[in-house]
Amino acid sequence: MKKTLFALITIVLLAIGGYLASPLFFDRTVDEEFSYMTDDGRVDIDAVLAMPETVRGEMRDDIMSAAADAPEIAADDEMPSAGPTVLARGSFRDADAVHKGTGQATLYALPNGRHLIRFEDFRTTNGPDLVVYLARHASPESADDVVDNGYLSLGVLKGNVGNQNYEVPPGVDVDEYGSVVIWCELFGVLFSPAPLVRESVDASG
């Protein structure tokens, strides 16, 4: 009887010991993905920026693809009413087979001495963290052309579609800049450049 009781106690103790020790011998794998999409189908930039840089780099293509497929954001700014003067114009073009752009960028001088960049009939590929740059390079073909020659940020792109205005900060010499650029700040990618061609002045005038 005692032997049987001892055997049962031993079996119970071994079972309990095995259960408690099992985490030491068996891996429990967890593989949760970062959720970087908002409920309305757009890329959540704050969530992407919260990722470790290595993870963000590995997921770059997925993030860019998700942003490209997101619903379009339309802008519809009106032209300034107080007689602007056209200084230069340029047409947006594709940066590559994936990052595309169309429409016109126009540089205006305003009566108050300020300058304005206006987009008309504009459309570009959707992307994460898109901004508008004035670039020194006259006709950038690559990200290096933009970065190596210098640029000025005019702020966040208001929409990937539609007419929109961007004020140039006061004191900026616009003659130092040769193009308008749509740029992905998150990954340093050129989306669409618009080389600016200065308007000719009629000296006979």
N, C-alpha and C. Protein backbone atom coordinates (compact mmCIF):
# COMPACT_ATOMS: atom_id res chain seq x y z
N MET A 1 0.83 -1.21 0.00
CA MET A 1 0.00 0.00 0.00
C MET A 1 0.86 1.26 0.00
N LYS A 2 1.90 1.24 0.87
CA LYS A 2 2.78 2.39 0.97
C LYS A 2 3.54 2.58 -0.34
N LYS A 3 3.94 1.42 -0.94
CA LYS A 3 4.67 1.52 -2.21
C LYS A 3 3.79 2.13 -3.30
N THR A 4 2.52 1.72 -3.32
CA THR A 4 1.59 2.26 -4.32
C THR A 4 1.38 3.75 -4.12
N LEU A 5 1.20 4.19 -2.86
CA LEU A 5 1.00 5.60 -2.55
C LEU A 5 2.24 6.41 -2.93
N PHE A 6 3.40 5.84 -2.62
CA PHE A 6 4.66 6.52 -2.94
C PHE A 6 4.81 6.69 -4.45
N ALA A 7 4.40 5.63 -5.17
CA ALA A 7 4.51 5.68 -6.63
C ALA A 7 3.58 6.75 -7.22
N LEU A 8 2.35 6.83 -6.67
CA LEU A 8 1.41 7.84 -7.15
C LEU A 8 1.90 9.25 -6.88
N ILE A 9 2.44 9.46 -5.65
CA ILE A 9 2.98 10.77 -5.29
C ILE A 9 4.14 11.14 -6.21
N THR A 10 4.99 10.15 -6.50
CA THR A 10 6.14 10.39 -7.38
C THR A 10 5.69 10.80 -8.78
N ILE A 11 4.66 10.07 -9.28
CA ILE A 11 4.13 10.38 -10.62
C ILE A 11 3.57 11.79 -10.66
N VAL A 12 2.79 12.17 -9.62
CA VAL A 12 2.20 13.52 -9.56
C VAL A 12 3.29 14.58 -9.50
N LEU A 13 4.30 14.35 -8.66
CA LEU A 13 5.38 15.33 -8.54
C LEU A 13 6.16 15.47 -9.85
N LEU A 14 6.37 14.36 -10.53
CA LEU A 14 7.07 14.42 -11.82
C LEU A 14 6.25 15.17 -12.86
N ALA A 15 4.94 14.94 -12.84
CA ALA A 15 4.07 15.63 -13.79
C ALA A 15 4.07 17.13 -13.54
N ILE A 16 3.95 17.51 -12.25
CA ILE A 16 3.97 18.94 -11.90
C ILE A 16 5.32 19.54 -12.26
N GLY A 17 6.39 18.84 -11.94
CA GLY A 17 7.73 19.34 -12.25
C GLY A 17 7.94 19.50 -13.75
N GLY A 18 7.41 18.55 -14.51
CA GLY A 18 7.53 18.63 -15.97
C GLY A 18 6.77 19.81 -16.53
N TYR A 19 5.58 20.05 -15.99
CA TYR A 19 4.76 21.17 -16.45
C TYR A 19 5.44 22.50 -16.16
N LEU A 20 5.97 22.62 -14.92
CA LEU A 20 6.61 23.86 -14.54
C LEU A 20 7.91 24.11 -15.29
N ALA A 21 8.60 23.03 -15.62
CA ALA A 21 9.90 23.16 -16.28
C ALA A 21 9.78 23.28 -17.79
N SER A 22 8.61 22.95 -18.33
CA SER A 22 8.48 22.90 -19.79
C SER A 22 8.85 24.20 -20.50
N PRO A 23 8.55 25.39 -19.94
CA PRO A 23 8.96 26.62 -20.65
C PRO A 23 10.46 26.73 -20.82
N LEU A 24 11.23 26.05 -19.97
CA LEU A 24 12.68 26.10 -20.08
C LEU A 24 13.19 25.32 -21.27
N PHE A 25 12.41 24.37 -21.77
CA PHE A 25 12.87 23.47 -22.82
C PHE A 25 12.15 23.66 -24.14
N PHE A 26 11.06 24.43 -24.16
CA PHE A 26 10.30 24.59 -25.39
C PHE A 26 10.17 26.08 -25.71
N ASP A 27 10.53 26.47 -26.95
CA ASP A 27 10.40 27.85 -27.38
C ASP A 27 8.94 28.18 -27.67
N ARG A 28 8.58 29.42 -27.37
CA ARG A 28 7.25 29.93 -27.72
C ARG A 28 7.47 31.07 -28.70
N THR A 29 7.19 30.81 -29.95
CA THR A 29 7.48 31.78 -31.01
C THR A 29 6.33 32.77 -31.18
N VAL A 30 6.67 34.06 -31.21
CA VAL A 30 5.71 35.13 -31.46
C VAL A 30 6.21 35.94 -32.65
N ASP A 31 5.36 36.18 -33.60
CA ASP A 31 5.76 36.92 -34.80
C ASP A 31 4.66 37.91 -35.18
N GLU A 32 4.53 38.97 -34.38
CA GLU A 32 3.51 39.98 -34.63
C GLU A 32 4.04 41.01 -35.62
N GLU A 33 3.22 41.41 -36.57
CA GLU A 33 3.60 42.43 -37.53
C GLU A 33 3.26 43.83 -36.99
N PHE A 34 4.06 44.82 -37.42
CA PHE A 34 3.71 46.21 -37.11
C PHE A 34 2.47 46.60 -37.89
N SER A 35 1.52 47.21 -37.21
CA SER A 35 0.33 47.70 -37.89
C SER A 35 0.59 49.16 -38.25
N TYR A 36 0.72 49.43 -39.55
CA TYR A 36 1.06 50.79 -39.97
C TYR A 36 -0.01 51.40 -40.86
N MET A 37 -1.20 50.80 -40.89
CA MET A 37 -2.29 51.34 -41.69
C MET A 37 -3.39 51.89 -40.79
N THR A 38 -3.97 53.01 -41.20
CA THR A 38 -5.08 53.58 -40.46
C THR A 38 -6.38 52.91 -40.92
N ASP A 39 -7.47 53.21 -40.20
CA ASP A 39 -8.74 52.57 -40.52
C ASP A 39 -9.26 52.96 -41.91
N ASP A 40 -8.84 54.14 -42.40
CA ASP A 40 -9.32 54.58 -43.71
C ASP A 40 -8.38 54.18 -44.85
N GLY A 41 -7.47 53.25 -44.57
CA GLY A 41 -6.64 52.70 -45.63
C GLY A 41 -5.40 53.49 -45.99
N ARG A 42 -4.97 54.38 -45.09
CA ARG A 42 -3.77 55.17 -45.35
C ARG A 42 -2.62 54.71 -44.45
N VAL A 43 -1.41 55.04 -44.85
CA VAL A 43 -0.24 54.70 -44.05
C VAL A 43 -0.16 55.65 -42.85
N ASP A 44 -0.02 55.08 -41.66
CA ASP A 44 0.12 55.85 -40.43
C ASP A 44 1.60 56.18 -40.25
N ILE A 45 1.99 57.41 -40.60
CA ILE A 45 3.40 57.79 -40.57
C ILE A 45 3.98 57.66 -39.17
N ASP A 46 3.20 58.04 -38.13
CA ASP A 46 3.71 57.94 -36.76
C ASP A 46 4.03 56.49 -36.41
N ALA A 47 3.17 55.56 -36.85
CA ALA A 47 3.43 54.15 -36.58
C ALA A 47 4.67 53.66 -37.32
N VAL A 48 4.85 54.13 -38.54
CA VAL A 48 6.03 53.74 -39.31
C VAL A 48 7.29 54.28 -38.66
N LEU A 49 7.25 55.53 -38.22
CA LEU A 49 8.42 56.14 -37.58
C LEU A 49 8.75 55.48 -36.26
N ALA A 50 7.75 54.85 -35.63
CA ALA A 50 7.98 54.15 -34.36
C ALA A 50 8.68 52.81 -34.56
N MET A 51 8.72 52.32 -35.79
CA MET A 51 9.41 51.06 -36.06
C MET A 51 10.92 51.23 -35.89
N PRO A 52 11.60 50.17 -35.47
CA PRO A 52 13.07 50.20 -35.53
C PRO A 52 13.51 50.47 -36.98
N GLU A 53 14.58 51.21 -37.14
CA GLU A 53 15.00 51.62 -38.48
C GLU A 53 15.26 50.42 -39.39
N THR A 54 15.82 49.34 -38.82
CA THR A 54 16.09 48.16 -39.65
C THR A 54 14.80 47.54 -40.17
N VAL A 55 13.78 47.49 -39.31
CA VAL A 55 12.49 46.93 -39.71
C VAL A 55 11.85 47.82 -40.77
N ARG A 56 11.93 49.13 -40.54
CA ARG A 56 11.36 50.07 -41.51
C ARG A 56 12.01 49.91 -42.88
N GLY A 57 13.31 49.72 -42.88
CA GLY A 57 14.02 49.52 -44.14
C GLY A 57 13.60 48.24 -44.83
N GLU A 58 13.44 47.16 -44.05
CA GLU A 58 13.03 45.88 -44.62
C GLU A 58 11.62 45.95 -45.20
N MET A 59 10.77 46.79 -44.60
CA MET A 59 9.38 46.89 -45.02
C MET A 59 9.13 48.02 -46.00
N ARG A 60 10.20 48.67 -46.47
CA ARG A 60 10.06 49.84 -47.32
C ARG A 60 9.15 49.58 -48.52
N ASP A 61 9.40 48.51 -49.26
CA ASP A 61 8.62 48.25 -50.47
C ASP A 61 7.15 48.03 -50.14
N ASP A 62 6.87 47.33 -49.04
CA ASP A 62 5.47 47.09 -48.64
C ASP A 62 4.79 48.40 -48.25
N ILE A 63 5.51 49.25 -47.53
CA ILE A 63 4.94 50.52 -47.08
C ILE A 63 4.67 51.43 -48.28
N MET A 64 5.63 51.49 -49.20
CA MET A 64 5.46 52.33 -50.39
C MET A 64 4.29 51.83 -51.24
N SER A 65 4.17 50.51 -51.36
CA SER A 65 3.09 49.93 -52.15
C SER A 65 1.73 50.22 -51.51
N ALA A 66 1.67 50.09 -50.18
CA ALA A 66 0.42 50.37 -49.46
C ALA A 66 0.02 51.83 -49.61
N ALA A 67 1.00 52.73 -49.55
CA ALA A 67 0.71 54.16 -49.72
C ALA A 67 0.22 54.47 -51.13
N ALA A 68 0.83 53.82 -52.12
CA ALA A 68 0.43 54.05 -53.52
C ALA A 68 -1.01 53.61 -53.76
N ASP A 69 -1.45 52.59 -53.04
CA ASP A 69 -2.81 52.06 -53.22
C ASP A 69 -3.83 52.76 -52.33
N ALA A 70 -3.38 53.68 -51.48
CA ALA A 70 -4.30 54.38 -50.56
C ALA A 70 -5.23 55.32 -51.33
N PRO A 71 -6.36 55.67 -50.75
CA PRO A 71 -7.28 56.62 -51.41
C PRO A 71 -6.58 57.94 -51.71
N GLU A 72 -6.92 58.54 -52.85
CA GLU A 72 -6.30 59.80 -53.23
C GLU A 72 -6.73 60.92 -52.30
N ILE A 73 -5.82 61.89 -52.12
CA ILE A 73 -6.12 63.07 -51.33
C ILE A 73 -6.13 64.26 -52.29
N ALA A 74 -7.27 64.92 -52.41
CA ALA A 74 -7.42 66.01 -53.37
C ALA A 74 -7.28 67.36 -52.67
N ALA A 75 -6.64 68.29 -53.36
CA ALA A 75 -6.53 69.67 -52.88
C ALA A 75 -7.16 70.59 -53.91
N ASP A 76 -7.64 71.76 -53.47
CA ASP A 76 -8.30 72.68 -54.41
C ASP A 76 -8.12 74.11 -53.91
N ASP A 77 -6.87 74.60 -53.94
CA ASP A 77 -6.59 75.98 -53.55
C ASP A 77 -6.96 76.93 -54.68
N GLU A 78 -7.39 78.13 -54.31
CA GLU A 78 -7.70 79.15 -55.30
C GLU A 78 -6.45 79.96 -55.64
N MET A 79 -6.46 80.57 -56.81
CA MET A 79 -5.39 81.48 -57.19
C MET A 79 -5.44 82.73 -56.33
N PRO A 80 -4.27 83.28 -55.97
CA PRO A 80 -4.28 84.57 -55.25
C PRO A 80 -4.99 85.63 -56.09
N SER A 81 -5.79 86.46 -55.46
CA SER A 81 -6.60 87.42 -56.20
C SER A 81 -5.81 88.67 -56.60
N ALA A 82 -4.73 88.97 -55.85
CA ALA A 82 -3.99 90.21 -56.11
C ALA A 82 -2.88 89.97 -57.12
N GLY A 83 -3.16 90.21 -58.39
CA GLY A 83 -2.28 90.16 -59.54
C GLY A 83 -0.89 89.58 -59.41
N PRO A 84 -0.73 88.26 -59.36
CA PRO A 84 0.61 87.67 -59.33
C PRO A 84 1.28 87.74 -60.71
N THR A 85 2.61 87.77 -60.72
CA THR A 85 3.39 87.79 -61.96
C THR A 85 4.10 86.46 -62.12
N VAL A 86 3.98 85.85 -63.29
CA VAL A 86 4.63 84.57 -63.55
C VAL A 86 6.13 84.78 -63.75
N LEU A 87 6.93 84.06 -62.98
CA LEU A 87 8.38 84.11 -63.13
C LEU A 87 8.93 82.89 -63.86
N ALA A 88 8.32 81.73 -63.61
CA ALA A 88 8.81 80.49 -64.22
C ALA A 88 7.72 79.44 -64.20
N ARG A 89 7.81 78.50 -65.13
CA ARG A 89 6.87 77.38 -65.19
C ARG A 89 7.63 76.09 -65.43
N GLY A 90 6.98 74.99 -65.05
CA GLY A 90 7.56 73.68 -65.33
C GLY A 90 6.51 72.60 -65.26
N SER A 91 6.73 71.52 -65.99
CA SER A 91 5.79 70.39 -66.00
C SER A 91 6.35 69.24 -65.17
N PHE A 92 5.51 68.68 -64.32
CA PHE A 92 5.91 67.52 -63.55
C PHE A 92 6.07 66.32 -64.48
N ARG A 93 7.03 65.47 -64.17
CA ARG A 93 7.28 64.27 -64.96
C ARG A 93 7.54 63.10 -64.01
N ASP A 94 7.56 61.90 -64.59
CA ASP A 94 7.82 60.70 -63.79
C ASP A 94 9.28 60.67 -63.37
N ALA A 95 9.52 60.27 -62.12
CA ALA A 95 10.90 60.06 -61.67
C ALA A 95 11.40 58.71 -62.12
N ASP A 96 10.50 57.72 -62.18
CA ASP A 96 10.85 56.38 -62.65
C ASP A 96 9.54 55.67 -62.99
N ALA A 97 9.63 54.36 -63.21
CA ALA A 97 8.44 53.61 -63.63
C ALA A 97 7.39 53.49 -62.53
N VAL A 98 7.79 53.71 -61.29
CA VAL A 98 6.87 53.56 -60.16
C VAL A 98 6.36 54.91 -59.65
N HIS A 99 7.26 55.88 -59.58
CA HIS A 99 6.92 57.18 -59.01
C HIS A 99 6.67 58.17 -60.15
N LYS A 100 5.39 58.57 -60.27
CA LYS A 100 4.95 59.34 -61.42
C LYS A 100 4.34 60.68 -61.03
N GLY A 101 4.36 61.60 -61.97
CA GLY A 101 3.74 62.90 -61.71
C GLY A 101 3.38 63.61 -63.02
N THR A 102 2.28 64.35 -62.99
CA THR A 102 1.85 65.16 -64.12
C THR A 102 1.31 66.48 -63.60
N GLY A 103 1.15 67.44 -64.51
CA GLY A 103 0.62 68.74 -64.14
C GLY A 103 1.69 69.81 -64.24
N GLN A 104 1.33 71.02 -63.86
CA GLN A 104 2.23 72.16 -64.01
C GLN A 104 2.51 72.83 -62.67
N ALA A 105 3.76 73.23 -62.50
CA ALA A 105 4.16 74.05 -61.35
C ALA A 105 4.53 75.43 -61.88
N THR A 106 4.01 76.47 -61.25
CA THR A 106 4.28 77.84 -61.67
C THR A 106 4.80 78.65 -60.48
N LEU A 107 5.90 79.36 -60.72
CA LEU A 107 6.46 80.24 -59.70
C LEU A 107 5.95 81.66 -59.94
N TYR A 108 5.29 82.22 -58.93
CA TYR A 108 4.73 83.56 -59.04
C TYR A 108 5.44 84.53 -58.08
N ALA A 109 5.56 85.77 -58.54
CA ALA A 109 5.92 86.87 -57.65
C ALA A 109 4.63 87.59 -57.28
N LEU A 110 4.42 87.83 -55.98
CA LEU A 110 3.21 88.50 -55.51
C LEU A 110 3.47 89.98 -55.28
N PRO A 111 2.44 90.81 -55.36
CA PRO A 111 2.62 92.25 -55.17
C PRO A 111 3.26 92.63 -53.84
N ASN A 112 3.11 91.79 -52.83
CA ASN A 112 3.68 92.11 -51.51
C ASN A 112 5.15 91.72 -51.38
N GLY A 113 5.75 91.26 -52.50
CA GLY A 113 7.16 90.90 -52.48
C GLY A 113 7.42 89.43 -52.18
N ARG A 114 6.38 88.69 -51.82
CA ARG A 114 6.53 87.27 -51.53
C ARG A 114 6.47 86.46 -52.83
N HIS A 115 6.77 85.17 -52.71
CA HIS A 115 6.70 84.27 -53.86
C HIS A 115 5.82 83.07 -53.53
N LEU A 116 5.24 82.51 -54.57
CA LEU A 116 4.29 81.41 -54.42
C LEU A 116 4.53 80.38 -55.52
N ILE A 117 4.49 79.11 -55.14
CA ILE A 117 4.49 78.02 -56.12
C ILE A 117 3.06 77.48 -56.20
N ARG A 118 2.52 77.41 -57.40
CA ARG A 118 1.16 76.87 -57.60
C ARG A 118 1.21 75.65 -58.49
N PHE A 119 0.51 74.59 -58.06
CA PHE A 119 0.33 73.39 -58.88
C PHE A 119 -1.06 73.45 -59.54
N GLU A 120 -1.12 73.12 -60.82
CA GLU A 120 -2.40 73.04 -61.51
C GLU A 120 -2.47 71.75 -62.32
N ASP A 121 -3.68 71.15 -62.33
CA ASP A 121 -3.89 69.85 -63.00
C ASP A 121 -2.87 68.83 -62.51
N PHE A 122 -2.59 68.88 -61.24
CA PHE A 122 -1.50 68.09 -60.65
C PHE A 122 -1.98 66.71 -60.21
N ARG A 123 -1.11 65.74 -60.41
CA ARG A 123 -1.34 64.39 -59.90
C ARG A 123 0.00 63.69 -59.73
N THR A 124 0.17 63.03 -58.61
CA THR A 124 1.38 62.24 -58.40
C THR A 124 1.01 60.93 -57.71
N THR A 125 1.89 59.95 -57.83
CA THR A 125 1.70 58.68 -57.13
C THR A 125 1.60 58.95 -55.64
N ASN A 126 0.64 58.32 -54.99
CA ASN A 126 0.53 58.43 -53.54
C ASN A 126 1.75 57.82 -52.88
N GLY A 127 2.16 58.39 -51.77
CA GLY A 127 3.31 57.85 -51.06
C GLY A 127 3.28 58.28 -49.60
N PRO A 128 4.13 57.68 -48.77
CA PRO A 128 4.18 58.06 -47.36
C PRO A 128 5.06 59.29 -47.15
N ASP A 129 4.58 60.23 -46.35
CA ASP A 129 5.40 61.36 -45.92
C ASP A 129 5.90 62.20 -47.10
N LEU A 130 5.00 62.54 -48.02
CA LEU A 130 5.40 63.33 -49.18
C LEU A 130 5.46 64.82 -48.83
N VAL A 131 6.50 65.48 -49.34
CA VAL A 131 6.70 66.91 -49.12
C VAL A 131 7.03 67.58 -50.45
N VAL A 132 7.02 68.91 -50.42
CA VAL A 132 7.35 69.71 -51.62
C VAL A 132 8.68 70.41 -51.38
N TYR A 133 9.61 70.24 -52.31
CA TYR A 133 10.91 70.90 -52.23
C TYR A 133 11.08 71.86 -53.40
N LEU A 134 11.77 72.96 -53.16
CA LEU A 134 12.44 73.71 -54.21
C LEU A 134 13.86 73.17 -54.26
N ALA A 135 14.28 72.67 -55.41
CA ALA A 135 15.61 72.08 -55.54
C ALA A 135 16.51 73.00 -56.35
N ARG A 136 17.78 73.04 -55.99
CA ARG A 136 18.73 73.87 -56.74
C ARG A 136 19.01 73.27 -58.12
N HIS A 137 19.00 71.94 -58.19
CA HIS A 137 19.27 71.28 -59.46
C HIS A 137 18.17 71.64 -60.46
N ALA A 138 18.59 71.98 -61.68
CA ALA A 138 17.62 72.45 -62.67
C ALA A 138 16.73 71.34 -63.22
N SER A 139 17.23 70.11 -63.21
CA SER A 139 16.45 69.01 -63.78
C SER A 139 16.86 67.69 -63.13
N PRO A 140 16.49 67.50 -61.86
CA PRO A 140 16.95 66.30 -61.13
C PRO A 140 16.39 65.00 -61.71
N GLU A 141 17.27 64.03 -61.84
CA GLU A 141 16.88 62.71 -62.32
C GLU A 141 16.91 61.67 -61.22
N SER A 142 17.55 62.00 -60.10
CA SER A 142 17.72 61.02 -59.02
C SER A 142 17.66 61.73 -57.68
N ALA A 143 17.58 60.93 -56.62
CA ALA A 143 17.58 61.49 -55.27
C ALA A 143 18.89 62.21 -54.98
N ASP A 144 20.00 61.68 -55.49
CA ASP A 144 21.30 62.32 -55.27
C ASP A 144 21.35 63.71 -55.89
N ASP A 145 20.72 63.89 -57.04
CA ASP A 145 20.69 65.21 -57.68
C ASP A 145 20.05 66.23 -56.75
N VAL A 146 19.02 65.81 -56.04
CA VAL A 146 18.31 66.71 -55.14
C VAL A 146 19.14 66.98 -53.89
N VAL A 147 19.61 65.92 -53.25
CA VAL A 147 20.30 66.05 -51.97
C VAL A 147 21.66 66.73 -52.12
N ASP A 148 22.42 66.32 -53.13
CA ASP A 148 23.79 66.83 -53.28
C ASP A 148 23.85 68.30 -53.66
N ASN A 149 22.82 68.80 -54.34
CA ASN A 149 22.84 70.18 -54.81
C ASN A 149 22.10 71.15 -53.90
N GLY A 150 21.33 70.62 -52.96
CA GLY A 150 20.64 71.46 -52.00
C GLY A 150 19.18 71.68 -52.35
N TYR A 151 18.37 71.94 -51.34
CA TYR A 151 16.93 72.09 -51.53
C TYR A 151 16.34 72.89 -50.38
N LEU A 152 15.12 73.32 -50.56
CA LEU A 152 14.37 74.05 -49.55
C LEU A 152 13.00 73.41 -49.43
N SER A 153 12.61 73.01 -48.23
CA SER A 153 11.29 72.41 -48.04
C SER A 153 10.22 73.48 -47.95
N LEU A 154 9.14 73.26 -48.72
CA LEU A 154 7.98 74.15 -48.67
C LEU A 154 6.84 73.55 -47.85
N GLY A 155 7.09 72.38 -47.25
CA GLY A 155 6.09 71.78 -46.37
C GLY A 155 5.50 70.50 -46.92
N VAL A 156 4.55 69.98 -46.18
CA VAL A 156 3.89 68.72 -46.52
C VAL A 156 3.02 68.89 -47.76
N LEU A 157 3.07 67.89 -48.65
CA LEU A 157 2.20 67.91 -49.84
C LEU A 157 0.74 67.86 -49.38
N LYS A 158 -0.07 68.82 -49.83
CA LYS A 158 -1.45 68.91 -49.38
C LYS A 158 -2.32 67.79 -49.93
N GLY A 159 -2.05 67.35 -51.13
CA GLY A 159 -2.81 66.28 -51.74
C GLY A 159 -2.04 65.75 -52.94
N ASN A 160 -2.26 64.49 -53.26
CA ASN A 160 -1.56 63.94 -54.42
C ASN A 160 -2.30 64.26 -55.73
N VAL A 161 -3.45 64.95 -55.59
CA VAL A 161 -4.23 65.36 -56.75
C VAL A 161 -4.76 66.77 -56.51
N GLY A 162 -4.79 67.60 -57.57
CA GLY A 162 -5.52 68.86 -57.48
C GLY A 162 -4.65 70.11 -57.51
N ASN A 163 -5.31 71.25 -57.56
CA ASN A 163 -4.65 72.56 -57.60
C ASN A 163 -4.29 72.98 -56.18
N GLN A 164 -3.07 73.46 -56.00
CA GLN A 164 -2.62 73.80 -54.66
C GLN A 164 -1.49 74.83 -54.68
N ASN A 165 -1.40 75.59 -53.56
CA ASN A 165 -0.44 76.68 -53.45
C ASN A 165 0.55 76.40 -52.31
N TYR A 166 1.80 76.81 -52.53
CA TYR A 166 2.85 76.68 -51.52
C TYR A 166 3.63 77.99 -51.45
N GLU A 167 3.60 78.64 -50.31
CA GLU A 167 4.32 79.90 -50.15
C GLU A 167 5.81 79.64 -49.94
N VAL A 168 6.62 80.47 -50.58
CA VAL A 168 8.07 80.43 -50.39
C VAL A 168 8.39 81.31 -49.19
N PRO A 169 9.21 80.84 -48.25
CA PRO A 169 9.53 81.67 -47.08
C PRO A 169 10.13 83.00 -47.49
N PRO A 170 9.85 84.06 -46.75
CA PRO A 170 10.39 85.38 -47.09
C PRO A 170 11.91 85.38 -47.03
N GLY A 171 12.50 86.17 -47.91
CA GLY A 171 13.95 86.30 -47.91
C GLY A 171 14.68 85.27 -48.75
N VAL A 172 13.95 84.31 -49.32
CA VAL A 172 14.57 83.29 -50.15
C VAL A 172 14.79 83.83 -51.56
N ASP A 173 16.00 83.65 -52.09
CA ASP A 173 16.30 84.05 -53.46
C ASP A 173 15.85 82.93 -54.39
N VAL A 174 14.69 83.10 -55.01
CA VAL A 174 14.13 82.03 -55.83
C VAL A 174 14.97 81.76 -57.08
N ASP A 175 15.83 82.70 -57.45
CA ASP A 175 16.68 82.49 -58.62
C ASP A 175 17.72 81.40 -58.38
N GLU A 176 17.93 81.03 -57.12
CA GLU A 176 18.90 79.98 -56.79
C GLU A 176 18.33 78.58 -56.99
N TYR A 177 17.04 78.48 -57.28
CA TYR A 177 16.39 77.17 -57.37
C TYR A 177 15.89 76.92 -58.78
N GLY A 178 16.13 75.69 -59.26
CA GLY A 178 15.82 75.38 -60.64
C GLY A 178 14.66 74.45 -60.87
N SER A 179 14.09 73.87 -59.81
CA SER A 179 13.01 72.91 -60.01
C SER A 179 12.17 72.79 -58.75
N VAL A 180 10.96 72.27 -58.95
CA VAL A 180 10.08 71.89 -57.85
C VAL A 180 10.05 70.37 -57.81
N VAL A 181 10.10 69.82 -56.60
CA VAL A 181 10.24 68.37 -56.45
C VAL A 181 9.22 67.83 -55.46
N ILE A 182 8.60 66.72 -55.82
CA ILE A 182 7.79 65.95 -54.87
C ILE A 182 8.69 64.87 -54.31
N TRP A 183 8.79 64.81 -52.99
CA TRP A 183 9.83 64.02 -52.33
C TRP A 183 9.23 63.21 -51.19
N CYS A 184 9.65 61.96 -51.06
CA CYS A 184 9.27 61.13 -49.91
C CYS A 184 10.33 61.30 -48.84
N GLU A 185 9.97 62.04 -47.78
CA GLU A 185 10.94 62.33 -46.74
C GLU A 185 11.27 61.09 -45.91
N LEU A 186 10.33 60.18 -45.80
CA LEU A 186 10.53 58.99 -44.97
C LEU A 186 11.66 58.12 -45.49
N PHE A 187 11.70 57.93 -46.82
CA PHE A 187 12.70 57.04 -47.40
C PHE A 187 13.69 57.76 -48.32
N GLY A 188 13.58 59.08 -48.46
CA GLY A 188 14.50 59.81 -49.32
C GLY A 188 14.37 59.44 -50.78
N VAL A 189 13.12 59.45 -51.29
CA VAL A 189 12.86 59.01 -52.66
C VAL A 189 12.28 60.17 -53.47
N LEU A 190 12.81 60.37 -54.67
CA LEU A 190 12.28 61.36 -55.60
C LEU A 190 11.04 60.78 -56.28
N PHE A 191 9.90 61.48 -56.15
CA PHE A 191 8.65 61.01 -56.76
C PHE A 191 8.39 61.68 -58.10
N SER A 192 8.57 63.01 -58.15
CA SER A 192 8.30 63.71 -59.40
C SER A 192 8.97 65.08 -59.38
N PRO A 193 9.81 65.39 -60.39
CA PRO A 193 10.40 66.72 -60.50
C PRO A 193 9.69 67.55 -61.56
N ALA A 194 9.73 68.87 -61.39
CA ALA A 194 9.22 69.80 -62.39
C ALA A 194 10.29 70.85 -62.63
N PRO A 195 11.12 70.70 -63.66
CA PRO A 195 12.13 71.72 -63.97
C PRO A 195 11.47 73.05 -64.31
N LEU A 196 11.97 74.12 -63.71
CA LEU A 196 11.38 75.44 -63.90
C LEU A 196 12.09 76.18 -65.05
N VAL A 197 11.31 76.65 -66.00
CA VAL A 197 11.82 77.44 -67.12
C VAL A 197 11.40 78.89 -66.91
N ARG A 198 12.39 79.77 -66.80
CA ARG A 198 12.09 81.18 -66.56
C ARG A 198 11.33 81.80 -67.73
N GLU A 199 10.37 82.65 -67.41
CA GLU A 199 9.61 83.36 -68.42
C GLU A 199 10.49 84.42 -69.08
N SER A 200 10.42 84.53 -70.39
CA SER A 200 11.18 85.56 -71.07
C SER A 200 10.53 86.92 -70.88
N VAL A 201 11.36 87.93 -70.78
CA VAL A 201 10.87 89.29 -70.57
C VAL A 201 10.90 90.04 -71.91
N ASP A 202 9.78 90.63 -72.25
CA ASP A 202 9.67 91.38 -73.50
C ASP A 202 10.26 92.79 -73.30
N ALA A 203 11.49 92.99 -73.81
CA ALA A 203 12.18 94.26 -73.58
C ALA A 203 11.57 95.40 -74.37
N SER A 204 10.76 95.09 -75.38
CA SER A 204 10.17 96.15 -76.19
C SER A 204 9.02 96.86 -75.53
N GLY A 205 8.51 96.15 -74.46
CA GLY A 205 7.36 96.49 -73.76
C GLY A 205 6.88 97.71 -73.41
